Amino acid sequence: MPKHFSFMLFLILLASCGPTASRLTAPDGGSGYFVRCKSTKAECFEKAITICPTGYRIIDSENISPTRDTAPFFEMLIQCDYSWQNMERTLKK
């Protein structure tokens, strides 16, 4: 296997290990995001901040351990907080 191909495969696998986020319609009809992390909750919170820099609220969250052979993961449903107070706090940083 060429070195270039091995390195590209490594990068793809590494990228797939990070947190993922998908936009969706929240239960109240507004827009929200489904965030899933495979290693730590902190990764999910960091991903949420990159999606919602003015703040967010967690609508639902869950720790999941499907089977003994599958690694646990953390999921949460969030909505961005676009209130003026949070925007002002973000701009002052």
Foldseek 3Di string as FASTA:
>chain_A
DDPVVVVVVVVVVVVVQAKDKDWDQDPVRHIKIKIKHQPDVVRRVVVVCVVAVLAKDWPDKDWDDPDPVGGIMIITIIDHDPDPVSVVVSVVD
